[in-house]
N, C-alpha and C. Protein backbone atom coordinates (compact mmCIF):
# COMPACT_ATOMS: atom_id res chain seq x y z
N MET A 1 7.98 33.14 21.56
CA MET A 1 6.68 32.55 21.47
C MET A 1 6.40 31.80 22.78
N THR A 2 5.30 32.09 23.39
CA THR A 2 4.96 31.42 24.64
C THR A 2 4.21 30.13 24.36
N SER A 3 4.06 29.32 25.38
CA SER A 3 3.39 28.04 25.20
C SER A 3 1.91 28.21 24.88
N SER A 4 1.32 29.35 25.22
CA SER A 4 -0.10 29.56 24.90
C SER A 4 -0.29 29.88 23.41
N GLN A 5 0.77 30.28 22.71
CA GLN A 5 0.67 30.59 21.29
C GLN A 5 0.94 29.37 20.40
N VAL A 6 1.48 28.31 20.96
CA VAL A 6 1.80 27.12 20.18
C VAL A 6 0.51 26.31 20.00
N PRO A 7 0.16 25.99 18.75
CA PRO A 7 -1.07 25.22 18.54
C PRO A 7 -0.94 23.80 19.10
N ALA A 8 -2.02 23.28 19.60
CA ALA A 8 -2.03 21.93 20.15
C ALA A 8 -1.91 20.91 19.01
N PRO A 9 -1.19 19.81 19.26
CA PRO A 9 -1.07 18.80 18.21
C PRO A 9 -2.41 18.12 17.96
N LYS A 10 -2.60 17.70 16.73
CA LYS A 10 -3.84 17.02 16.38
C LYS A 10 -3.82 15.61 16.96
N ASP A 11 -5.02 15.08 17.26
CA ASP A 11 -5.10 13.74 17.83
C ASP A 11 -4.73 12.67 16.80
N ASP A 12 -5.17 12.84 15.57
CA ASP A 12 -4.93 11.86 14.53
C ASP A 12 -3.94 12.43 13.53
N PRO A 13 -2.74 11.83 13.40
CA PRO A 13 -1.75 12.38 12.45
C PRO A 13 -2.26 12.37 11.01
N GLU A 14 -3.17 11.47 10.68
CA GLU A 14 -3.70 11.42 9.32
C GLU A 14 -4.54 12.65 9.00
N ASP A 15 -5.09 13.29 10.03
CA ASP A 15 -5.87 14.50 9.80
C ASP A 15 -4.99 15.63 9.27
N ALA A 16 -3.74 15.65 9.69
CA ALA A 16 -2.83 16.70 9.23
C ALA A 16 -2.55 16.56 7.74
N ASP A 17 -2.30 15.33 7.27
CA ASP A 17 -2.04 15.07 5.86
C ASP A 17 -2.54 13.68 5.52
N PRO A 18 -3.80 13.55 5.15
CA PRO A 18 -4.37 12.22 4.91
C PRO A 18 -3.78 11.50 3.70
N GLY A 19 -3.08 12.19 2.84
CA GLY A 19 -2.53 11.56 1.65
C GLY A 19 -1.33 10.68 1.90
N LEU A 20 -0.61 10.94 2.97
CA LEU A 20 0.60 10.17 3.23
C LEU A 20 0.30 8.72 3.56
N ALA A 21 -0.71 8.46 4.35
CA ALA A 21 -1.04 7.08 4.71
C ALA A 21 -1.43 6.28 3.48
N ARG A 22 -2.20 6.88 2.60
CA ARG A 22 -2.61 6.19 1.38
C ARG A 22 -1.40 5.92 0.48
N ALA A 23 -0.50 6.87 0.42
CA ALA A 23 0.70 6.69 -0.41
C ALA A 23 1.57 5.57 0.14
N ARG A 24 1.73 5.51 1.46
CA ARG A 24 2.53 4.44 2.06
C ARG A 24 1.88 3.08 1.82
N THR A 25 0.57 3.01 1.92
CA THR A 25 -0.13 1.75 1.68
C THR A 25 0.04 1.31 0.24
N SER A 26 -0.08 2.23 -0.68
CA SER A 26 0.09 1.90 -2.10
C SER A 26 1.51 1.40 -2.37
N LEU A 27 2.49 2.06 -1.79
CA LEU A 27 3.88 1.61 -1.97
C LEU A 27 4.11 0.24 -1.36
N ALA A 28 3.48 -0.04 -0.23
CA ALA A 28 3.64 -1.34 0.41
C ALA A 28 3.06 -2.45 -0.47
N TRP A 29 1.89 -2.21 -1.08
CA TRP A 29 1.32 -3.20 -1.98
C TRP A 29 2.22 -3.42 -3.19
N THR A 30 2.79 -2.37 -3.72
CA THR A 30 3.68 -2.49 -4.88
C THR A 30 4.93 -3.28 -4.51
N ARG A 31 5.52 -2.97 -3.35
CA ARG A 31 6.71 -3.71 -2.90
C ARG A 31 6.41 -5.18 -2.71
N THR A 32 5.24 -5.49 -2.17
CA THR A 32 4.85 -6.89 -1.96
C THR A 32 4.73 -7.61 -3.29
N ALA A 33 4.11 -6.97 -4.27
CA ALA A 33 3.96 -7.59 -5.59
C ALA A 33 5.31 -7.81 -6.24
N ILE A 34 6.21 -6.85 -6.13
CA ILE A 34 7.55 -7.00 -6.71
C ILE A 34 8.31 -8.13 -6.02
N SER A 35 8.16 -8.25 -4.71
CA SER A 35 8.82 -9.32 -3.96
C SER A 35 8.31 -10.69 -4.41
N PHE A 36 6.99 -10.82 -4.56
CA PHE A 36 6.44 -12.09 -5.04
C PHE A 36 6.95 -12.39 -6.44
N LEU A 37 7.05 -11.38 -7.28
CA LEU A 37 7.53 -11.57 -8.64
C LEU A 37 8.98 -12.06 -8.64
N ALA A 38 9.82 -11.48 -7.79
CA ALA A 38 11.22 -11.89 -7.71
C ALA A 38 11.35 -13.32 -7.19
N VAL A 39 10.58 -13.65 -6.17
CA VAL A 39 10.62 -15.01 -5.63
C VAL A 39 10.09 -16.00 -6.67
N GLY A 40 9.03 -15.63 -7.36
CA GLY A 40 8.49 -16.49 -8.41
C GLY A 40 9.50 -16.73 -9.52
N ALA A 41 10.23 -15.70 -9.90
CA ALA A 41 11.26 -15.85 -10.94
C ALA A 41 12.37 -16.78 -10.47
N ALA A 42 12.74 -16.70 -9.20
CA ALA A 42 13.77 -17.58 -8.67
C ALA A 42 13.27 -19.03 -8.62
N ILE A 43 12.04 -19.22 -8.22
CA ILE A 43 11.46 -20.56 -8.16
C ILE A 43 11.27 -21.11 -9.57
N LEU A 44 10.98 -20.25 -10.52
CA LEU A 44 10.73 -20.65 -11.91
C LEU A 44 11.94 -21.39 -12.50
N LYS A 45 13.13 -21.07 -12.04
CA LYS A 45 14.34 -21.71 -12.56
C LYS A 45 14.42 -23.18 -12.17
N THR A 46 13.83 -23.53 -11.02
CA THR A 46 13.93 -24.91 -10.57
C THR A 46 12.63 -25.69 -10.71
N ASP A 47 11.50 -25.02 -10.54
CA ASP A 47 10.19 -25.69 -10.58
C ASP A 47 9.22 -24.78 -11.33
N VAL A 48 9.00 -25.09 -12.61
CA VAL A 48 8.21 -24.21 -13.47
C VAL A 48 6.77 -24.03 -12.98
N PRO A 49 6.03 -25.09 -12.64
CA PRO A 49 4.64 -24.87 -12.20
C PRO A 49 4.54 -24.03 -10.91
N ALA A 50 5.38 -24.31 -9.95
CA ALA A 50 5.34 -23.54 -8.69
C ALA A 50 5.73 -22.09 -8.94
N GLY A 51 6.74 -21.85 -9.77
CA GLY A 51 7.14 -20.49 -10.08
C GLY A 51 6.05 -19.73 -10.81
N ALA A 52 5.33 -20.42 -11.70
CA ALA A 52 4.24 -19.77 -12.42
C ALA A 52 3.11 -19.39 -11.48
N ILE A 53 2.85 -20.23 -10.48
CA ILE A 53 1.80 -19.93 -9.50
C ILE A 53 2.18 -18.70 -8.68
N VAL A 54 3.43 -18.61 -8.26
CA VAL A 54 3.86 -17.46 -7.45
C VAL A 54 3.85 -16.19 -8.30
N ILE A 55 4.25 -16.28 -9.55
CA ILE A 55 4.20 -15.11 -10.43
C ILE A 55 2.76 -14.67 -10.66
N ALA A 56 1.86 -15.63 -10.84
CA ALA A 56 0.44 -15.29 -10.99
C ALA A 56 -0.09 -14.62 -9.73
N ALA A 57 0.37 -15.08 -8.55
CA ALA A 57 -0.05 -14.44 -7.29
C ALA A 57 0.45 -13.01 -7.23
N SER A 58 1.67 -12.77 -7.72
CA SER A 58 2.20 -11.40 -7.69
C SER A 58 1.38 -10.48 -8.59
N LEU A 59 0.99 -11.00 -9.74
CA LEU A 59 0.16 -10.19 -10.64
C LEU A 59 -1.21 -9.96 -10.03
N GLY A 60 -1.71 -10.95 -9.31
CA GLY A 60 -2.99 -10.79 -8.62
C GLY A 60 -2.92 -9.74 -7.53
N ILE A 61 -1.85 -9.74 -6.77
CA ILE A 61 -1.67 -8.74 -5.71
C ILE A 61 -1.60 -7.34 -6.31
N TRP A 62 -0.80 -7.19 -7.36
CA TRP A 62 -0.68 -5.88 -7.99
C TRP A 62 -2.00 -5.46 -8.62
N GLY A 63 -2.68 -6.40 -9.25
CA GLY A 63 -3.95 -6.09 -9.90
C GLY A 63 -5.03 -5.68 -8.92
N LEU A 64 -5.08 -6.34 -7.77
CA LEU A 64 -6.07 -5.97 -6.76
C LEU A 64 -5.84 -4.55 -6.27
N ARG A 65 -4.61 -4.18 -6.10
CA ARG A 65 -4.30 -2.82 -5.63
C ARG A 65 -4.70 -1.80 -6.69
N GLN A 66 -4.51 -2.13 -7.95
CA GLN A 66 -4.89 -1.20 -9.01
C GLN A 66 -6.41 -1.13 -9.17
N PHE A 67 -7.07 -2.26 -8.90
CA PHE A 67 -8.52 -2.33 -9.05
C PHE A 67 -9.24 -1.58 -7.93
N PHE A 68 -8.65 -1.59 -6.73
CA PHE A 68 -9.23 -0.90 -5.57
C PHE A 68 -8.27 0.21 -5.13
N PRO A 69 -8.22 1.34 -5.82
CA PRO A 69 -7.23 2.37 -5.50
C PRO A 69 -7.45 3.05 -4.16
N ARG A 70 -8.69 3.10 -3.67
CA ARG A 70 -8.97 3.73 -2.38
C ARG A 70 -9.84 2.79 -1.57
N SER A 71 -9.60 2.78 -0.29
CA SER A 71 -10.42 1.92 0.56
C SER A 71 -11.81 2.53 0.74
N ARG A 72 -12.75 1.71 1.17
CA ARG A 72 -14.11 2.20 1.37
C ARG A 72 -14.17 3.21 2.51
N THR A 73 -13.35 3.02 3.53
CA THR A 73 -13.38 3.97 4.64
C THR A 73 -12.84 5.32 4.21
N ALA A 74 -11.87 5.33 3.31
CA ALA A 74 -11.33 6.60 2.83
C ALA A 74 -12.38 7.35 2.02
N ALA A 75 -13.21 6.62 1.30
CA ALA A 75 -14.25 7.26 0.50
C ALA A 75 -15.33 7.86 1.38
N ASN A 76 -15.50 7.33 2.58
CA ASN A 76 -16.52 7.82 3.49
C ASN A 76 -16.06 9.02 4.33
N ARG A 77 -14.79 9.34 4.28
CA ARG A 77 -14.29 10.47 5.05
C ARG A 77 -14.71 11.78 4.39
N PRO A 78 -14.98 12.77 5.19
CA PRO A 78 -15.37 14.07 4.61
C PRO A 78 -14.20 14.71 3.86
N ALA A 79 -14.51 15.37 2.79
CA ALA A 79 -13.50 16.07 2.01
C ALA A 79 -13.07 17.34 2.73
N ARG A 80 -11.85 17.76 2.52
CA ARG A 80 -11.35 18.96 3.19
C ARG A 80 -11.27 20.10 2.23
């Protein structure tokens, strides 16, 4: 295969597979919520009000991600 037969790489890697970026973002939000939950549980053992606040924050983080499953810019992209 010569170099003239090799297709040129795309400028934006997300154009090749736009689903991967969304999946990574979703996983990052989930990991963040789990981390807050673990820290809140650890704090809960020593300081109940502070631990409850951190646990509530973790549920808020997870809930926001579930409430907004796709960003507005993703909705504006043309379908393939």
